[in-house]
Amino acid sequence: MVVDLASSWCATDLGRYRPSRHTYERYPLESVPPVLDALDGFRWLGGRGQRNASNVDLLTRLEMSLTDVGLALPDDFVEFHSWDGWAAELDTVSVTGCWTRLSPVPTFSPVEPGAFLVRFLSDQQDCVTWHLYLRRGEPAFVVHAFGLDLDYDDADDEDLGVIYRCASSFEEFAYRFWIENRIWRHLHDPDAGPLPPRLAAYLAHYPQLPS
């Protein structure tokens, strides 16, 4: 049985354009700007640099594990993490201390038999984690969850451990994460000049609220 996952985008504020009550907020996925036209094989990141031998080795072992269950990593995920010039970019740009944590083995989806998760990014305290979601015969997509990697006892928090679909591909996730964190830095820098065109075009989706 295929589970119909709820969807949301998990992120922090974008200044007055998109407020946040807490460090992270879940925004309806249909409310965030479209980005599919901006995707071009990570060329928006610039040069890919040298091969990252450690990541390539881990990805190779991870793919072997997935082959055993009839699955494979998506090409964009492998390409991004295989190069030094790209692999650490999400860590570098993150304003909430997120860091790349490539899982060496897939884990079973806790909500759907036959589906698997591959963690690739975590909040600095593991409050939020992001994963590839893999199903046989379907393209991989990206999900996030609060507290999925932690041992919480608070049964009153209905959001803990719930998996939310947040992007239809890894590059879509990476682009939105990258551009939103760059926008945050620009908006919170008192010495910053006008927004670069790419950032301004993304932010134009939101009406500016009064200060």
C-alpha atoms as a PDB file:
ATOM      1  CA  MET A   1       0.000   0.000   0.000  1.00  0.00           C
ATOM      2  CA  VAL A   2       1.396   3.423  -1.010  1.00  0.00           C
ATOM      3  CA  VAL A   3       1.031   6.004   1.751  1.00  0.00           C
ATOM      4  CA  ASP A   4      -0.106   9.511   0.784  1.00  0.00           C
ATOM      5  CA  LEU A   5       2.341  11.646   2.763  1.00  0.00           C
ATOM      6  CA  ALA A   6       1.407  15.116   3.933  1.00  0.00           C
ATOM      7  CA  SER A   7       3.511  17.906   2.434  1.00  0.00           C
ATOM      8  CA  SER A   8       5.154  21.053   3.781  1.00  0.00           C
ATOM      9  CA  TRP A   9       8.304  23.133   3.441  1.00  0.00           C
ATOM     10  CA  CYS A  10      10.317  23.348   6.671  1.00  0.00           C
ATOM     11  CA  ALA A  11      12.411  26.500   7.026  1.00  0.00           C
ATOM     12  CA  THR A  12      12.975  29.666   8.995  1.00  0.00           C
ATOM     13  CA  ASP A  13      11.757  33.179   8.245  1.00  0.00           C
ATOM     14  CA  LEU A  14      12.430  35.336   5.208  1.00  0.00           C
ATOM     15  CA  GLY A  15      12.311  38.592   7.100  1.00  0.00           C
ATOM     16  CA  ARG A  16       9.051  40.526   6.786  1.00  0.00           C
ATOM     17  CA  TYR A  17       8.203  38.610   3.632  1.00  0.00           C
ATOM     18  CA  ARG A  18       7.592  35.332   5.433  1.00  0.00           C
ATOM     19  CA  PRO A  19       7.609  35.439   9.238  1.00  0.00           C
ATOM     20  CA  SER A  20       8.382  32.491  11.491  1.00  0.00           C
ATOM     21  CA  ARG A  21       7.263  32.075  15.099  1.00  0.00           C
ATOM     22  CA  HIS A  22      10.082  29.644  15.902  1.00  0.00           C
ATOM     23  CA  THR A  23      13.462  28.618  14.508  1.00  0.00           C
ATOM     24  CA  TYR A  24      11.621  26.373  12.051  1.00  0.00           C
ATOM     25  CA  GLU A  25       8.167  26.717  10.614  1.00  0.00           C
ATOM     26  CA  ARG A  26       6.227  24.378   8.356  1.00  0.00           C
ATOM     27  CA  TYR A  27       4.827  26.270   5.357  1.00  0.00           C
ATOM     28  CA  PRO A  28       2.274  24.801   2.927  1.00  0.00           C
ATOM     29  CA  LEU A  29       4.212  23.513  -0.058  1.00  0.00           C
ATOM     30  CA  GLU A  30       1.841  25.258  -2.452  1.00  0.00           C
ATOM     31  CA  SER A  31       2.655  28.598  -0.781  1.00  0.00           C
ATOM     32  CA  VAL A  32       6.390  28.669  -1.607  1.00  0.00           C
ATOM     33  CA  PRO A  33       7.750  30.044  -4.910  1.00  0.00           C
ATOM     34  CA  PRO A  34       8.095  27.634  -7.860  1.00  0.00           C
ATOM     35  CA  VAL A  35      11.706  26.726  -8.656  1.00  0.00           C
ATOM     36  CA  LEU A  36      11.596  24.026 -11.335  1.00  0.00           C
ATOM     37  CA  ASP A  37      12.573  26.454 -14.121  1.00  0.00           C
ATOM     38  CA  ALA A  38      15.732  27.385 -12.200  1.00  0.00           C
ATOM     39  CA  LEU A  39      17.105  23.842 -12.003  1.00  0.00           C
ATOM     40  CA  ASP A  40      19.981  23.121 -14.382  1.00  0.00           C
ATOM     41  CA  GLY A  41      22.088  20.325 -12.953  1.00  0.00           C
ATOM     42  CA  PHE A  42      23.539  22.428 -10.104  1.00  0.00           C
ATOM     43  CA  ARG A  43      25.192  24.938 -12.429  1.00  0.00           C
ATOM     44  CA  TRP A  44      23.581  27.602 -10.217  1.00  0.00           C
ATOM     45  CA  LEU A  45      26.214  26.611  -7.636  1.00  0.00           C
ATOM     46  CA  GLY A  46      29.188  27.306  -9.901  1.00  0.00           C
ATOM     47  CA  GLY A  47      32.200  25.022 -10.317  1.00  0.00           C
ATOM     48  CA  ARG A  48      31.967  21.539  -8.845  1.00  0.00           C
ATOM     49  CA  GLY A  49      35.641  21.309  -7.843  1.00  0.00           C
ATOM     50  CA  GLN A  50      37.446  18.029  -7.197  1.00  0.00           C
ATOM     51  CA  ARG A  51      35.957  14.592  -6.586  1.00  0.00           C
ATOM     52  CA  ASN A  52      35.136  13.959  -2.939  1.00  0.00           C
ATOM     53  CA  ALA A  53      36.662  10.513  -2.476  1.00  0.00           C
ATOM     54  CA  SER A  54      35.141   9.946   0.966  1.00  0.00           C
ATOM     55  CA  ASN A  55      31.625  10.714  -0.225  1.00  0.00           C
ATOM     56  CA  VAL A  56      32.042   8.663  -3.378  1.00  0.00           C
ATOM     57  CA  ASP A  57      33.065   5.666  -1.298  1.00  0.00           C
ATOM     58  CA  LEU A  58      30.108   6.087   1.060  1.00  0.00           C
ATOM     59  CA  LEU A  59      27.676   6.530  -1.846  1.00  0.00           C
ATOM     60  CA  THR A  60      29.030   3.395  -3.519  1.00  0.00           C
ATOM     61  CA  ARG A  61      28.436   1.348  -0.384  1.00  0.00           C
ATOM     62  CA  LEU A  62      25.008   2.880   0.073  1.00  0.00           C
ATOM     63  CA  GLU A  63      24.046   2.043  -3.512  1.00  0.00           C
ATOM     64  CA  MET A  64      25.107  -1.558  -2.965  1.00  0.00           C
ATOM     65  CA  SER A  65      22.791  -1.752   0.051  1.00  0.00           C
ATOM     66  CA  LEU A  66      19.937  -0.302  -1.959  1.00  0.00           C
ATOM     67  CA  THR A  67      20.524  -2.706  -4.845  1.00  0.00           C
ATOM     68  CA  ASP A  68      19.792  -5.553  -2.442  1.00  0.00           C
ATOM     69  CA  VAL A  69      16.254  -4.183  -1.946  1.00  0.00           C
ATOM     70  CA  GLY A  70      15.657  -3.217  -5.579  1.00  0.00           C
ATOM     71  CA  LEU A  71      16.286   0.517  -5.227  1.00  0.00           C
ATOM     72  CA  ALA A  72      18.861   3.079  -6.376  1.00  0.00           C
ATOM     73  CA  LEU A  73      19.999   6.565  -5.453  1.00  0.00           C
ATOM     74  CA  PRO A  74      18.801   9.317  -7.807  1.00  0.00           C
ATOM     75  CA  ASP A  75      21.452  10.697 -10.161  1.00  0.00           C
ATOM     76  CA  ASP A  76      21.182  14.287  -8.908  1.00  0.00           C
ATOM     77  CA  PHE A  77      21.817  13.183  -5.319  1.00  0.00           C
ATOM     78  CA  VAL A  78      24.931  11.209  -6.304  1.00  0.00           C
ATOM     79  CA  GLU A  79      26.252  14.013  -8.528  1.00  0.00           C
ATOM     80  CA  PHE A  80      25.840  16.705  -5.879  1.00  0.00           C
ATOM     81  CA  HIS A  81      27.580  14.780  -3.102  1.00  0.00           C
ATOM     82  CA  SER A  82      30.422  13.514  -5.298  1.00  0.00           C
ATOM     83  CA  TRP A  83      32.145  16.901  -5.722  1.00  0.00           C
ATOM     84  CA  ASP A  84      33.897  19.127  -3.183  1.00  0.00           C
ATOM     85  CA  GLY A  85      32.611  22.312  -4.765  1.00  0.00           C
ATOM     86  CA  TRP A  86      29.000  21.298  -4.172  1.00  0.00           C
ATOM     87  CA  ALA A  87      28.856  18.729  -1.372  1.00  0.00           C
ATOM     88  CA  ALA A  88      29.336  21.161   1.547  1.00  0.00           C
ATOM     89  CA  GLU A  89      27.340  24.045   0.100  1.00  0.00           C
ATOM     90  CA  LEU A  90      24.199  23.410   2.148  1.00  0.00           C
ATOM     91  CA  ASP A  91      26.294  23.390   5.335  1.00  0.00           C
ATOM     92  CA  THR A  92      28.026  26.616   4.330  1.00  0.00           C
ATOM     93  CA  VAL A  93      24.869  28.544   3.532  1.00  0.00           C
ATOM     94  CA  SER A  94      22.668  27.277   6.398  1.00  0.00           C
ATOM     95  CA  VAL A  95      21.678  29.950   8.929  1.00  0.00           C
ATOM     96  CA  THR A  96      20.373  27.396  11.459  1.00  0.00           C
ATOM     97  CA  GLY A  97      23.464  25.200  11.732  1.00  0.00           C
ATOM     98  CA  CYS A  98      22.342  22.381   9.449  1.00  0.00           C
ATOM     99  CA  TRP A  99      25.032  19.956   8.374  1.00  0.00           C
ATOM    100  CA  THR A 100      25.385  17.140   5.878  1.00  0.00           C
ATOM    101  CA  ARG A 101      24.995  13.676   7.439  1.00  0.00           C
ATOM    102  CA  LEU A 102      24.999  11.057   4.712  1.00  0.00           C
ATOM    103  CA  SER A 103      23.528   7.874   6.104  1.00  0.00           C
ATOM    104  CA  PRO A 104      25.748   4.863   5.325  1.00  0.00           C
ATOM    105  CA  VAL A 105      22.744   2.535   5.107  1.00  0.00           C
ATOM    106  CA  PRO A 106      19.075   2.975   4.180  1.00  0.00           C
ATOM    107  CA  THR A 107      16.467   2.642   6.921  1.00  0.00           C
ATOM    108  CA  PHE A 108      12.931   1.360   6.712  1.00  0.00           C
ATOM    109  CA  SER A 109      10.217   3.961   6.389  1.00  0.00           C
ATOM    110  CA  PRO A 110       8.302   3.958   9.688  1.00  0.00           C
ATOM    111  CA  VAL A 111       5.041   4.743   7.869  1.00  0.00           C
ATOM    112  CA  GLU A 112       5.094   2.580   4.732  1.00  0.00           C
ATOM    113  CA  PRO A 113       6.116  -1.056   4.196  1.00  0.00           C
ATOM    114  CA  GLY A 114       8.647  -1.496   1.390  1.00  0.00           C
ATOM    115  CA  ALA A 115       9.798   2.148   1.374  1.00  0.00           C
ATOM    116  CA  PHE A 116      13.188   3.358   2.619  1.00  0.00           C
ATOM    117  CA  LEU A 117      14.792   6.523   3.930  1.00  0.00           C
ATOM    118  CA  VAL A 118      18.310   7.855   3.327  1.00  0.00           C
ATOM    119  CA  ARG A 119      19.186  10.715   5.667  1.00  0.00           C
ATOM    120  CA  PHE A 120      21.405  13.412   4.155  1.00  0.00           C
ATOM    121  CA  LEU A 121      20.970  16.598   6.233  1.00  0.00           C
ATOM    122  CA  SER A 122      20.346  17.373   9.901  1.00  0.00           C
ATOM    123  CA  ASP A 123      19.678  20.386  12.041  1.00  0.00           C
ATOM    124  CA  GLN A 124      22.531  21.002  14.515  1.00  0.00           C
ATOM    125  CA  GLN A 125      20.508  19.382  17.328  1.00  0.00           C
ATOM    126  CA  ASP A 126      18.806  16.772  15.123  1.00  0.00           C
ATOM    127  CA  CYS A 127      15.480  18.503  15.713  1.00  0.00           C
ATOM    128  CA  VAL A 128      14.803  18.376  11.976  1.00  0.00           C
ATOM    129  CA  THR A 129      16.256  15.857   9.540  1.00  0.00           C
ATOM    130  CA  TRP A 130      15.928  15.605   5.765  1.00  0.00           C
ATOM    131  CA  HIS A 131      15.893  12.313   3.866  1.00  0.00           C
ATOM    132  CA  LEU A 132      15.517  10.814   0.442  1.00  0.00           C
ATOM    133  CA  TYR A 133      12.322   8.789   0.302  1.00  0.00           C
ATOM    134  CA  LEU A 134      12.667   5.736  -1.906  1.00  0.00           C
ATOM    135  CA  ARG A 135       9.899   3.539  -3.309  1.00  0.00           C
ATOM    136  CA  ARG A 136      10.257   0.778  -5.858  1.00  0.00           C
ATOM    137  CA  GLY A 137       9.259   1.872  -9.356  1.00  0.00           C
ATOM    138  CA  GLU A 138       8.938   5.573  -8.478  1.00  0.00           C
ATOM    139  CA  PRO A 139      11.294   8.591  -8.598  1.00  0.00           C
ATOM    140  CA  ALA A 140      12.907   9.471  -5.288  1.00  0.00           C
ATOM    141  CA  PHE A 141      11.695  12.570  -3.471  1.00  0.00           C
ATOM    142  CA  VAL A 142      12.715  14.482  -0.340  1.00  0.00           C
ATOM    143  CA  VAL A 143      11.004  14.444   3.052  1.00  0.00           C
ATOM    144  CA  HIS A 144      11.632  16.092   6.388  1.00  0.00           C
ATOM    145  CA  ALA A 145      10.626  15.180   9.912  1.00  0.00           C
ATOM    146  CA  PHE A 146      10.870  16.613  13.419  1.00  0.00           C
ATOM    147  CA  GLY A 147      12.532  14.355  15.957  1.00  0.00           C
ATOM    148  CA  LEU A 148      12.762  11.294  13.720  1.00  0.00           C
ATOM    149  CA  ASP A 149      16.329  10.542  14.859  1.00  0.00           C
ATOM    150  CA  LEU A 150      15.711  11.360  18.523  1.00  0.00           C
ATOM    151  CA  ASP A 151      14.222   9.361  21.380  1.00  0.00           C
ATOM    152  CA  TYR A 152      11.381  11.607  22.483  1.00  0.00           C
ATOM    153  CA  ASP A 153       8.866  10.688  25.178  1.00  0.00           C
ATOM    154  CA  ASP A 154       6.524  13.638  24.637  1.00  0.00           C
ATOM    155  CA  ALA A 155       3.427  11.937  23.268  1.00  0.00           C
ATOM    156  CA  ASP A 156       1.515  15.228  23.274  1.00  0.00           C
ATOM    157  CA  ASP A 157       3.523  16.687  20.409  1.00  0.00           C
ATOM    158  CA  GLU A 158       1.652  15.303  17.404  1.00  0.00           C
ATOM    159  CA  ASP A 159       4.302  16.590  14.956  1.00  0.00           C
ATOM    160  CA  LEU A 160       7.196  14.518  16.314  1.00  0.00           C
ATOM    161  CA  GLY A 161       8.224  11.762  13.933  1.00  0.00           C
ATOM    162  CA  VAL A 162       5.705  12.759  11.246  1.00  0.00           C
ATOM    163  CA  ILE A 163       7.202  12.575   7.753  1.00  0.00           C
ATOM    164  CA  TYR A 164       6.391  15.417   5.359  1.00  0.00           C
ATOM    165  CA  ARG A 165       7.090  15.457   1.647  1.00  0.00           C
ATOM    166  CA  CYS A 166       8.944  18.682   0.809  1.00  0.00           C
ATOM    167  CA  ALA A 167      10.442  18.396  -2.701  1.00  0.00           C
ATOM    168  CA  SER A 168       9.929  16.265  -5.795  1.00  0.00           C
ATOM    169  CA  SER A 169      13.680  15.851  -6.354  1.00  0.00           C
ATOM    170  CA  PHE A 170      16.938  16.387  -4.496  1.00  0.00           C
ATOM    171  CA  GLU A 171      17.996  19.300  -6.721  1.00  0.00           C
ATOM    172  CA  GLU A 172      14.662  21.015  -6.125  1.00  0.00           C
ATOM    173  CA  PHE A 173      15.204  20.711  -2.376  1.00  0.00           C
ATOM    174  CA  ALA A 174      18.840  21.859  -2.572  1.00  0.00           C
ATOM    175  CA  TYR A 175      18.005  24.892  -4.692  1.00  0.00           C
ATOM    176  CA  ARG A 176      15.190  26.094  -2.444  1.00  0.00           C
ATOM    177  CA  PHE A 177      17.281  25.509   0.710  1.00  0.00           C
ATOM    178  CA  TRP A 178      20.264  27.313  -0.838  1.00  0.00           C
ATOM    179  CA  ILE A 179      18.385  30.336  -2.124  1.00  0.00           C
ATOM    180  CA  GLU A 180      16.274  30.830   1.009  1.00  0.00           C
ATOM    181  CA  ASN A 181      19.302  30.755   3.287  1.00  0.00           C
ATOM    182  CA  ARG A 182      21.112  33.228   1.037  1.00  0.00           C
ATOM    183  CA  ILE A 183      18.080  35.508   1.127  1.00  0.00           C
ATOM    184  CA  TRP A 184      17.944  35.291   4.945  1.00  0.00           C
ATOM    185  CA  ARG A 185      21.590  36.299   5.221  1.00  0.00           C
ATOM    186  CA  HIS A 186      21.063  39.233   2.883  1.00  0.00           C
ATOM    187  CA  LEU A 187      17.932  40.486   4.636  1.00  0.00           C
ATOM    188  CA  HIS A 188      19.576  40.312   8.058  1.00  0.00           C
ATOM    189  CA  ASP A 189      22.805  42.030   6.997  1.00  0.00           C
ATOM    190  CA  PRO A 190      22.557  45.779   7.709  1.00  0.00           C
ATOM    191  CA  ASP A 191      25.368  46.466   5.239  1.00  0.00           C
ATOM    192  CA  ALA A 192      23.936  44.437   2.364  1.00  0.00           C
ATOM    193  CA  GLY A 193      23.035  46.225  -0.829  1.00  0.00           C
ATOM    194  CA  PRO A 194      20.196  45.362  -3.202  1.00  0.00           C
ATOM    195  CA  LEU A 195      19.283  41.714  -3.533  1.00  0.00           C
ATOM    196  CA  PRO A 196      20.975  39.922  -6.443  1.00  0.00           C
ATOM    197  CA  PRO A 197      18.506  39.319  -9.294  1.00  0.00           C
ATOM    198  CA  ARG A 198      18.093  35.584  -8.644  1.00  0.00           C
ATOM    199  CA  LEU A 199      17.275  36.161  -4.984  1.00  0.00           C
ATOM    200  CA  ALA A 200      15.004  39.109  -5.729  1.00  0.00           C
ATOM    201  CA  ALA A 201      13.028  37.073  -8.266  1.00  0.00           C
ATOM    202  CA  TYR A 202      12.400  34.356  -5.680  1.00  0.00           C
ATOM    203  CA  LEU A 203      11.388  36.827  -2.985  1.00  0.00           C
ATOM    204  CA  ALA A 204       9.024  38.668  -5.338  1.00  0.00           C
ATOM    205  CA  HIS A 205       6.593  35.772  -4.800  1.00  0.00           C
ATOM    206  CA  TYR A 206       5.839  37.164  -1.321  1.00  0.00           C
ATOM    207  CA  PRO A 207       4.119  40.448  -0.461  1.00  0.00           C
ATOM    208  CA  GLN A 208       6.258  42.535   1.886  1.00  0.00           C
ATOM    209  CA  LEU A 209       4.552  42.888   5.245  1.00  0.00           C
ATOM    210  CA  PRO A 210       4.794  46.087   7.293  1.00  0.00           C
ATOM    211  CA  SER A 211       7.800  46.287   9.623  1.00  0.00           C
END
